[in-house]
Protein backbone atom coordinates (compact mmCIF):
# COMPACT_ATOMS: atom_id res chain seq x y z
CA UNK A 1 0.00 0.00 0.00
CA UNK A 2 1.33 3.43 -0.95
CA UNK A 3 1.23 6.17 1.69
CA UNK A 4 1.23 9.87 0.83
CA UNK A 5 1.32 12.44 3.64
CA UNK A 6 0.67 9.63 6.12
CA UNK A 7 -2.56 8.59 4.36
CA UNK A 8 -3.21 5.78 1.91
CA UNK A 9 -3.40 6.79 -1.74
CA UNK A 10 -7.00 5.53 -1.84
CA UNK A 11 -8.00 7.78 1.07
CA UNK A 12 -6.24 10.72 -0.58
CA UNK A 13 -8.11 10.13 -3.86
CA UNK A 14 -11.42 9.84 -2.04
CA UNK A 15 -10.77 13.04 -0.08
CA UNK A 16 -9.71 14.89 -3.23
CA UNK A 17 -12.86 13.68 -5.00
CA UNK A 18 -15.07 14.95 -2.20
CA UNK A 19 -13.24 18.31 -2.21
CA UNK A 20 -13.58 18.71 -5.99
CA UNK A 21 -17.27 17.78 -5.84
CA UNK A 22 -17.83 20.40 -3.14
CA UNK A 23 -16.04 22.95 -5.35
CA UNK A 24 -18.49 22.07 -8.13
CA UNK A 25 -21.39 22.62 -5.74
CA UNK A 26 -20.02 26.06 -4.83
CA UNK A 27 -19.26 27.04 -8.44
CA UNK A 28 -21.78 25.19 -10.64
CA UNK A 29 -21.03 24.97 -14.31
CA UNK A 30 -17.30 24.50 -13.88
CA UNK A 31 -17.72 20.82 -14.86
CA UNK A 32 -15.58 19.56 -11.98
CA UNK A 33 -18.23 16.96 -11.20
CA UNK A 34 -16.75 14.41 -13.61
CA UNK A 35 -13.31 14.68 -12.05
CA UNK A 36 -14.77 14.65 -8.54
CA UNK A 37 -16.82 11.52 -9.18
CA UNK A 38 -13.84 9.79 -10.82
CA UNK A 39 -11.51 10.52 -7.91
CA UNK A 40 -14.13 9.69 -5.31
CA UNK A 41 -15.16 6.38 -6.93
CA UNK A 42 -11.56 5.25 -7.49
CA UNK A 43 -10.64 6.13 -3.91
CA UNK A 44 -13.68 4.35 -2.52
CA UNK A 45 -12.97 1.22 -4.57
CA UNK A 46 -9.36 1.33 -3.40
CA UNK A 47 -10.50 1.52 0.22
CA UNK A 48 -13.06 -1.29 -0.13
CA UNK A 49 -10.87 -3.62 -2.22
CA UNK A 50 -7.29 -3.45 -0.87
CA UNK A 51 -5.94 -5.34 -3.90
CA UNK A 52 -6.80 -2.27 -6.01
CA UNK A 53 -4.98 0.21 -3.79
CA UNK A 54 -1.72 0.29 -5.78
CA UNK A 55 -0.84 3.31 -7.95
CA UNK A 56 -1.43 1.60 -11.33
CA UNK A 57 -4.80 0.03 -10.47
CA UNK A 58 -5.94 3.33 -8.97
CA UNK A 59 -4.82 5.22 -12.09
CA UNK A 60 -6.81 2.77 -14.21
CA UNK A 61 -9.81 3.13 -11.89
CA UNK A 62 -9.67 6.94 -12.11
CA UNK A 63 -9.59 6.70 -15.91
CA UNK A 64 -12.44 4.18 -16.16
CA UNK A 65 -14.69 5.83 -13.59
CA UNK A 66 -13.94 9.22 -15.13
CA UNK A 67 -14.97 7.96 -18.56
CA UNK A 68 -18.12 6.45 -17.08
CA UNK A 69 -18.95 9.63 -15.18
CA UNK A 70 -18.40 11.68 -18.34
CA UNK A 71 -20.78 9.51 -20.37
CA UNK A 72 -23.46 9.68 -17.67
CA UNK A 73 -22.94 13.44 -17.26
CA UNK A 74 -23.37 13.99 -21.01
CA UNK A 75 -26.43 11.75 -21.27
CA UNK A 76 -28.18 13.37 -18.32
CA UNK A 77 -27.43 16.84 -19.72
CA UNK A 78 -27.32 18.25 -16.18
CA UNK A 79 -26.64 21.90 -16.91
CA UNK A 80 -28.28 22.62 -20.24
CA UNK A 81 -31.48 20.67 -19.60
CA UNK A 82 -34.36 21.73 -21.83
CA UNK A 83 -32.55 24.75 -23.22
CA UNK A 84 -34.89 27.24 -21.51
CA UNK A 85 -32.22 28.60 -19.20
CA UNK A 86 -29.55 28.94 -21.84
CA UNK A 87 -28.14 32.41 -22.39
CA UNK A 88 -28.49 33.68 -25.93
CA UNK A 89 -27.70 36.92 -27.64
CA UNK A 90 -30.27 39.69 -27.70
CA UNK A 91 -31.26 39.06 -31.34
CA UNK A 92 -33.08 35.91 -30.23
CA UNK A 93 -35.51 38.17 -28.38
CA UNK A 94 -36.77 39.87 -31.58
CA UNK A 95 -40.34 38.73 -32.24
CA UNK A 96 -40.72 37.17 -28.78
CA UNK A 97 -44.13 37.52 -27.20
CA UNK A 98 -45.10 38.21 -23.64
CA UNK A 99 -47.24 40.39 -21.41
CA UNK A 100 -46.86 43.65 -19.53
CA UNK A 101 -46.22 43.42 -15.78
CA UNK A 102 -45.75 47.16 -15.18
CA UNK A 103 -47.27 49.84 -17.46
CA UNK A 104 -44.96 50.45 -20.45
CA UNK A 105 -44.40 54.01 -21.67
CA UNK A 106 -41.74 55.70 -23.78
CA UNK A 107 -39.60 56.04 -20.63
CA UNK A 108 -40.33 53.05 -18.36
CA UNK A 109 -42.08 49.74 -17.86
CA UNK A 110 -41.55 46.02 -17.41
CA UNK A 111 -42.61 42.97 -19.39
CA UNK A 112 -42.37 39.22 -18.95
CA UNK A 113 -41.65 37.13 -22.03
CA UNK A 114 -43.21 33.75 -22.75
CA UNK A 115 -40.59 30.98 -22.81
CA UNK A 116 -38.14 33.51 -21.42
CA UNK A 117 -36.00 31.07 -19.46
CA UNK A 118 -34.77 31.46 -15.90
CA UNK A 119 -35.46 35.20 -15.58
CA UNK A 120 -37.97 36.23 -18.20
CA UNK A 121 -38.69 39.76 -16.94
CA UNK A 122 -37.21 42.71 -18.80
CA UNK A 123 -37.32 46.48 -18.67
CA UNK A 124 -39.26 47.73 -21.68
CA UNK A 125 -40.12 50.88 -23.60
CA UNK A 126 -42.60 51.60 -26.34
CA UNK A 127 -42.07 53.81 -29.37
CA UNK A 128 -45.25 55.80 -28.79
CA UNK A 129 -48.13 55.86 -26.36
CA UNK A 130 -48.42 53.47 -23.47
CA UNK A 131 -49.29 49.81 -22.99
CA UNK A 132 -51.45 48.80 -20.00
CA UNK A 133 -50.70 45.99 -17.54
CA UNK A 134 -51.52 42.44 -18.76
CA UNK A 135 -51.58 43.52 -22.42
CA UNK A 136 -50.00 41.09 -24.88
CA UNK A 137 -46.80 42.44 -26.44
CA UNK A 138 -44.21 41.54 -29.06
CA UNK A 139 -40.54 42.60 -29.01
CA UNK A 140 -39.78 44.77 -32.04
CA UNK A 141 -36.24 45.81 -31.05
CA UNK A 142 -34.23 43.87 -28.47
CA UNK A 143 -31.55 46.57 -28.23
CA UNK A 144 -28.73 45.15 -26.13
CA UNK A 145 -31.11 42.86 -24.25
CA UNK A 146 -31.31 45.10 -21.19
CA UNK A 147 -34.17 47.33 -22.31
CA UNK A 148 -36.54 46.01 -24.96
CA UNK A 149 -38.62 48.07 -27.33
CA UNK A 150 -42.06 46.46 -27.45
CA UNK A 151 -45.38 47.05 -29.11
CA UNK A 152 -48.85 45.95 -28.10
CA UNK A 153 -49.83 42.86 -30.05
CA UNK A 154 -53.09 44.41 -31.27
CA UNK A 155 -51.05 47.22 -32.90
CA UNK A 156 -48.77 44.87 -34.85
CA UNK A 157 -49.34 44.82 -38.59
CA UNK A 158 -49.35 41.71 -40.79
CA UNK A 159 -45.63 41.89 -41.65
CA UNK A 160 -44.62 42.00 -37.99
CA UNK A 161 -46.97 39.10 -37.24
CA UNK A 162 -45.32 37.00 -39.97
CA UNK A 163 -41.87 37.97 -38.66
CA UNK A 164 -42.87 36.81 -35.20
CA UNK A 165 -44.19 33.49 -36.54
CA UNK A 166 -40.98 32.98 -38.56
CA UNK A 167 -38.85 33.59 -35.45
CA UNK A 168 -40.92 31.09 -33.46
CA UNK A 169 -40.43 28.45 -36.18
CA UNK A 170 -36.67 29.12 -36.18
CA UNK A 171 -36.47 28.59 -32.40
CA UNK A 172 -38.29 25.24 -32.59
C-alpha atoms as a PDB file:
ATOM      1  CA  UNK A   1       0.000   0.000   0.000  1.00  0.00           C
ATOM      2  CA  UNK A   2       1.331   3.433  -0.946  1.00  0.00           C
ATOM      3  CA  UNK A   3       1.228   6.169   1.688  1.00  0.00           C
ATOM      4  CA  UNK A   4       1.229   9.873   0.829  1.00  0.00           C
ATOM      5  CA  UNK A   5       1.324  12.441   3.641  1.00  0.00           C
ATOM      6  CA  UNK A   6       0.673   9.634   6.115  1.00  0.00           C
ATOM      7  CA  UNK A   7      -2.556   8.591   4.360  1.00  0.00           C
ATOM      8  CA  UNK A   8      -3.206   5.784   1.910  1.00  0.00           C
ATOM      9  CA  UNK A   9      -3.403   6.794  -1.744  1.00  0.00           C
ATOM     10  CA  UNK A  10      -6.996   5.530  -1.838  1.00  0.00           C
ATOM     11  CA  UNK A  11      -7.996   7.780   1.068  1.00  0.00           C
ATOM     12  CA  UNK A  12      -6.236  10.722  -0.582  1.00  0.00           C
ATOM     13  CA  UNK A  13      -8.106  10.134  -3.863  1.00  0.00           C
ATOM     14  CA  UNK A  14     -11.423   9.837  -2.038  1.00  0.00           C
ATOM     15  CA  UNK A  15     -10.772  13.042  -0.078  1.00  0.00           C
ATOM     16  CA  UNK A  16      -9.710  14.891  -3.230  1.00  0.00           C
ATOM     17  CA  UNK A  17     -12.862  13.680  -5.000  1.00  0.00           C
ATOM     18  CA  UNK A  18     -15.074  14.952  -2.203  1.00  0.00           C
ATOM     19  CA  UNK A  19     -13.240  18.306  -2.211  1.00  0.00           C
ATOM     20  CA  UNK A  20     -13.576  18.709  -5.991  1.00  0.00           C
ATOM     21  CA  UNK A  21     -17.274  17.779  -5.843  1.00  0.00           C
ATOM     22  CA  UNK A  22     -17.827  20.397  -3.137  1.00  0.00           C
ATOM     23  CA  UNK A  23     -16.045  22.949  -5.346  1.00  0.00           C
ATOM     24  CA  UNK A  24     -18.489  22.071  -8.128  1.00  0.00           C
ATOM     25  CA  UNK A  25     -21.395  22.625  -5.744  1.00  0.00           C
ATOM     26  CA  UNK A  26     -20.021  26.057  -4.834  1.00  0.00           C
ATOM     27  CA  UNK A  27     -19.257  27.039  -8.443  1.00  0.00           C
ATOM     28  CA  UNK A  28     -21.780  25.194 -10.639  1.00  0.00           C
ATOM     29  CA  UNK A  29     -21.029  24.974 -14.306  1.00  0.00           C
ATOM     30  CA  UNK A  30     -17.299  24.503 -13.881  1.00  0.00           C
ATOM     31  CA  UNK A  31     -17.720  20.824 -14.862  1.00  0.00           C
ATOM     32  CA  UNK A  32     -15.582  19.558 -11.975  1.00  0.00           C
ATOM     33  CA  UNK A  33     -18.234  16.962 -11.196  1.00  0.00           C
ATOM     34  CA  UNK A  34     -16.751  14.409 -13.613  1.00  0.00           C
ATOM     35  CA  UNK A  35     -13.307  14.676 -12.050  1.00  0.00           C
ATOM     36  CA  UNK A  36     -14.771  14.652  -8.541  1.00  0.00           C
ATOM     37  CA  UNK A  37     -16.821  11.522  -9.179  1.00  0.00           C
ATOM     38  CA  UNK A  38     -13.842   9.790 -10.824  1.00  0.00           C
ATOM     39  CA  UNK A  39     -11.509  10.516  -7.911  1.00  0.00           C
ATOM     40  CA  UNK A  40     -14.132   9.685  -5.305  1.00  0.00           C
ATOM     41  CA  UNK A  41     -15.159   6.383  -6.934  1.00  0.00           C
ATOM     42  CA  UNK A  42     -11.564   5.249  -7.486  1.00  0.00           C
ATOM     43  CA  UNK A  43     -10.640   6.133  -3.914  1.00  0.00           C
ATOM     44  CA  UNK A  44     -13.679   4.355  -2.516  1.00  0.00           C
ATOM     45  CA  UNK A  45     -12.974   1.218  -4.566  1.00  0.00           C
ATOM     46  CA  UNK A  46      -9.356   1.329  -3.404  1.00  0.00           C
ATOM     47  CA  UNK A  47     -10.504   1.524   0.219  1.00  0.00           C
ATOM     48  CA  UNK A  48     -13.059  -1.286  -0.128  1.00  0.00           C
ATOM     49  CA  UNK A  49     -10.866  -3.617  -2.221  1.00  0.00           C
ATOM     50  CA  UNK A  50      -7.286  -3.446  -0.867  1.00  0.00           C
ATOM     51  CA  UNK A  51      -5.938  -5.341  -3.904  1.00  0.00           C
ATOM     52  CA  UNK A  52      -6.801  -2.266  -6.011  1.00  0.00           C
ATOM     53  CA  UNK A  53      -4.975   0.214  -3.786  1.00  0.00           C
ATOM     54  CA  UNK A  54      -1.721   0.286  -5.781  1.00  0.00           C
ATOM     55  CA  UNK A  55      -0.840   3.311  -7.953  1.00  0.00           C
ATOM     56  CA  UNK A  56      -1.427   1.600 -11.326  1.00  0.00           C
ATOM     57  CA  UNK A  57      -4.802   0.025 -10.472  1.00  0.00           C
ATOM     58  CA  UNK A  58      -5.938   3.334  -8.973  1.00  0.00           C
ATOM     59  CA  UNK A  59      -4.821   5.220 -12.088  1.00  0.00           C
ATOM     60  CA  UNK A  60      -6.806   2.775 -14.212  1.00  0.00           C
ATOM     61  CA  UNK A  61      -9.809   3.126 -11.891  1.00  0.00           C
ATOM     62  CA  UNK A  62      -9.670   6.937 -12.112  1.00  0.00           C
ATOM     63  CA  UNK A  63      -9.591   6.704 -15.915  1.00  0.00           C
ATOM     64  CA  UNK A  64     -12.435   4.184 -16.158  1.00  0.00           C
ATOM     65  CA  UNK A  65     -14.693   5.827 -13.587  1.00  0.00           C
ATOM     66  CA  UNK A  66     -13.940   9.224 -15.127  1.00  0.00           C
ATOM     67  CA  UNK A  67     -14.969   7.958 -18.562  1.00  0.00           C
ATOM     68  CA  UNK A  68     -18.121   6.448 -17.075  1.00  0.00           C
ATOM     69  CA  UNK A  69     -18.952   9.633 -15.181  1.00  0.00           C
ATOM     70  CA  UNK A  70     -18.396  11.678 -18.337  1.00  0.00           C
ATOM     71  CA  UNK A  71     -20.780   9.508 -20.369  1.00  0.00           C
ATOM     72  CA  UNK A  72     -23.457   9.680 -17.671  1.00  0.00           C
ATOM     73  CA  UNK A  73     -22.939  13.443 -17.264  1.00  0.00           C
ATOM     74  CA  UNK A  74     -23.372  13.986 -21.008  1.00  0.00           C
ATOM     75  CA  UNK A  75     -26.427  11.750 -21.273  1.00  0.00           C
ATOM     76  CA  UNK A  76     -28.177  13.371 -18.318  1.00  0.00           C
ATOM     77  CA  UNK A  77     -27.426  16.836 -19.723  1.00  0.00           C
ATOM     78  CA  UNK A  78     -27.315  18.245 -16.180  1.00  0.00           C
ATOM     79  CA  UNK A  79     -26.641  21.905 -16.907  1.00  0.00           C
ATOM     80  CA  UNK A  80     -28.277  22.621 -20.237  1.00  0.00           C
ATOM     81  CA  UNK A  81     -31.480  20.674 -19.603  1.00  0.00           C
ATOM     82  CA  UNK A  82     -34.364  21.728 -21.832  1.00  0.00           C
ATOM     83  CA  UNK A  83     -32.549  24.750 -23.221  1.00  0.00           C
ATOM     84  CA  UNK A  84     -34.886  27.240 -21.512  1.00  0.00           C
ATOM     85  CA  UNK A  85     -32.220  28.596 -19.201  1.00  0.00           C
ATOM     86  CA  UNK A  86     -29.545  28.940 -21.842  1.00  0.00           C
ATOM     87  CA  UNK A  87     -28.140  32.406 -22.391  1.00  0.00           C
ATOM     88  CA  UNK A  88     -28.495  33.685 -25.926  1.00  0.00           C
ATOM     89  CA  UNK A  89     -27.695  36.921 -27.640  1.00  0.00           C
ATOM     90  CA  UNK A  90     -30.266  39.689 -27.695  1.00  0.00           C
ATOM     91  CA  UNK A  91     -31.262  39.061 -31.336  1.00  0.00           C
ATOM     92  CA  UNK A  92     -33.084  35.908 -30.225  1.00  0.00           C
ATOM     93  CA  UNK A  93     -35.513  38.174 -28.382  1.00  0.00           C
ATOM     94  CA  UNK A  94     -36.773  39.866 -31.578  1.00  0.00           C
ATOM     95  CA  UNK A  95     -40.341  38.727 -32.240  1.00  0.00           C
ATOM     96  CA  UNK A  96     -40.718  37.174 -28.782  1.00  0.00           C
ATOM     97  CA  UNK A  97     -44.131  37.519 -27.197  1.00  0.00           C
ATOM     98  CA  UNK A  98     -45.098  38.213 -23.637  1.00  0.00           C
ATOM     99  CA  UNK A  99     -47.245  40.390 -21.407  1.00  0.00           C
ATOM    100  CA  UNK A 100     -46.862  43.650 -19.528  1.00  0.00           C
ATOM    101  CA  UNK A 101     -46.225  43.420 -15.783  1.00  0.00           C
ATOM    102  CA  UNK A 102     -45.752  47.159 -15.183  1.00  0.00           C
ATOM    103  CA  UNK A 103     -47.269  49.839 -17.464  1.00  0.00           C
ATOM    104  CA  UNK A 104     -44.960  50.450 -20.445  1.00  0.00           C
ATOM    105  CA  UNK A 105     -44.401  54.006 -21.665  1.00  0.00           C
ATOM    106  CA  UNK A 106     -41.743  55.701 -23.782  1.00  0.00           C
ATOM    107  CA  UNK A 107     -39.601  56.039 -20.625  1.00  0.00           C
ATOM    108  CA  UNK A 108     -40.328  53.052 -18.357  1.00  0.00           C
ATOM    109  CA  UNK A 109     -42.077  49.741 -17.861  1.00  0.00           C
ATOM    110  CA  UNK A 110     -41.552  46.020 -17.414  1.00  0.00           C
ATOM    111  CA  UNK A 111     -42.609  42.966 -19.389  1.00  0.00           C
ATOM    112  CA  UNK A 112     -42.374  39.215 -18.946  1.00  0.00           C
ATOM    113  CA  UNK A 113     -41.652  37.133 -22.030  1.00  0.00           C
ATOM    114  CA  UNK A 114     -43.210  33.753 -22.746  1.00  0.00           C
ATOM    115  CA  UNK A 115     -40.594  30.981 -22.813  1.00  0.00           C
ATOM    116  CA  UNK A 116     -38.142  33.509 -21.422  1.00  0.00           C
ATOM    117  CA  UNK A 117     -36.000  31.073 -19.460  1.00  0.00           C
ATOM    118  CA  UNK A 118     -34.768  31.459 -15.903  1.00  0.00           C
ATOM    119  CA  UNK A 119     -35.459  35.200 -15.582  1.00  0.00           C
ATOM    120  CA  UNK A 120     -37.969  36.228 -18.205  1.00  0.00           C
ATOM    121  CA  UNK A 121     -38.688  39.764 -16.938  1.00  0.00           C
ATOM    122  CA  UNK A 122     -37.209  42.712 -18.803  1.00  0.00           C
ATOM    123  CA  UNK A 123     -37.322  46.482 -18.675  1.00  0.00           C
ATOM    124  CA  UNK A 124     -39.258  47.733 -21.675  1.00  0.00           C
ATOM    125  CA  UNK A 125     -40.115  50.876 -23.600  1.00  0.00           C
ATOM    126  CA  UNK A 126     -42.596  51.598 -26.344  1.00  0.00           C
ATOM    127  CA  UNK A 127     -42.073  53.814 -29.373  1.00  0.00           C
ATOM    128  CA  UNK A 128     -45.252  55.795 -28.795  1.00  0.00           C
ATOM    129  CA  UNK A 129     -48.135  55.857 -26.362  1.00  0.00           C
ATOM    130  CA  UNK A 130     -48.423  53.466 -23.474  1.00  0.00           C
ATOM    131  CA  UNK A 131     -49.289  49.813 -22.992  1.00  0.00           C
ATOM    132  CA  UNK A 132     -51.452  48.802 -20.000  1.00  0.00           C
ATOM    133  CA  UNK A 133     -50.703  45.993 -17.538  1.00  0.00           C
ATOM    134  CA  UNK A 134     -51.524  42.442 -18.763  1.00  0.00           C
ATOM    135  CA  UNK A 135     -51.583  43.523 -22.416  1.00  0.00           C
ATOM    136  CA  UNK A 136     -49.998  41.086 -24.882  1.00  0.00           C
ATOM    137  CA  UNK A 137     -46.796  42.441 -26.438  1.00  0.00           C
ATOM    138  CA  UNK A 138     -44.207  41.542 -29.059  1.00  0.00           C
ATOM    139  CA  UNK A 139     -40.540  42.600 -29.015  1.00  0.00           C
ATOM    140  CA  UNK A 140     -39.780  44.771 -32.038  1.00  0.00           C
ATOM    141  CA  UNK A 141     -36.237  45.807 -31.053  1.00  0.00           C
ATOM    142  CA  UNK A 142     -34.231  43.874 -28.470  1.00  0.00           C
ATOM    143  CA  UNK A 143     -31.553  46.566 -28.234  1.00  0.00           C
ATOM    144  CA  UNK A 144     -28.733  45.154 -26.134  1.00  0.00           C
ATOM    145  CA  UNK A 145     -31.108  42.861 -24.253  1.00  0.00           C
ATOM    146  CA  UNK A 146     -31.313  45.097 -21.186  1.00  0.00           C
ATOM    147  CA  UNK A 147     -34.167  47.335 -22.313  1.00  0.00           C
ATOM    148  CA  UNK A 148     -36.540  46.007 -24.957  1.00  0.00           C
ATOM    149  CA  UNK A 149     -38.622  48.070 -27.331  1.00  0.00           C
ATOM    150  CA  UNK A 150     -42.056  46.462 -27.448  1.00  0.00           C
ATOM    151  CA  UNK A 151     -45.384  47.045 -29.114  1.00  0.00           C
ATOM    152  CA  UNK A 152     -48.847  45.955 -28.097  1.00  0.00           C
ATOM    153  CA  UNK A 153     -49.828  42.860 -30.054  1.00  0.00           C
ATOM    154  CA  UNK A 154     -53.086  44.408 -31.274  1.00  0.00           C
ATOM    155  CA  UNK A 155     -51.050  47.223 -32.901  1.00  0.00           C
ATOM    156  CA  UNK A 156     -48.773  44.872 -34.847  1.00  0.00           C
ATOM    157  CA  UNK A 157     -49.342  44.825 -38.588  1.00  0.00           C
ATOM    158  CA  UNK A 158     -49.354  41.712 -40.793  1.00  0.00           C
ATOM    159  CA  UNK A 159     -45.627  41.889 -41.649  1.00  0.00           C
ATOM    160  CA  UNK A 160     -44.621  41.997 -37.986  1.00  0.00           C
ATOM    161  CA  UNK A 161     -46.971  39.102 -37.235  1.00  0.00           C
ATOM    162  CA  UNK A 162     -45.321  37.000 -39.969  1.00  0.00           C
ATOM    163  CA  UNK A 163     -41.867  37.967 -38.663  1.00  0.00           C
ATOM    164  CA  UNK A 164     -42.866  36.810 -35.203  1.00  0.00           C
ATOM    165  CA  UNK A 165     -44.186  33.486 -36.540  1.00  0.00           C
ATOM    166  CA  UNK A 166     -40.978  32.985 -38.556  1.00  0.00           C
ATOM    167  CA  UNK A 167     -38.849  33.594 -35.451  1.00  0.00           C
ATOM    168  CA  UNK A 168     -40.920  31.093 -33.460  1.00  0.00           C
ATOM    169  CA  UNK A 169     -40.433  28.454 -36.176  1.00  0.00           C
ATOM    170  CA  UNK A 170     -36.670  29.122 -36.184  1.00  0.00           C
ATOM    171  CA  UNK A 171     -36.465  28.589 -32.404  1.00  0.00           C
ATOM    172  CA  UNK A 172     -38.287  25.240 -32.592  1.00  0.00           C
END
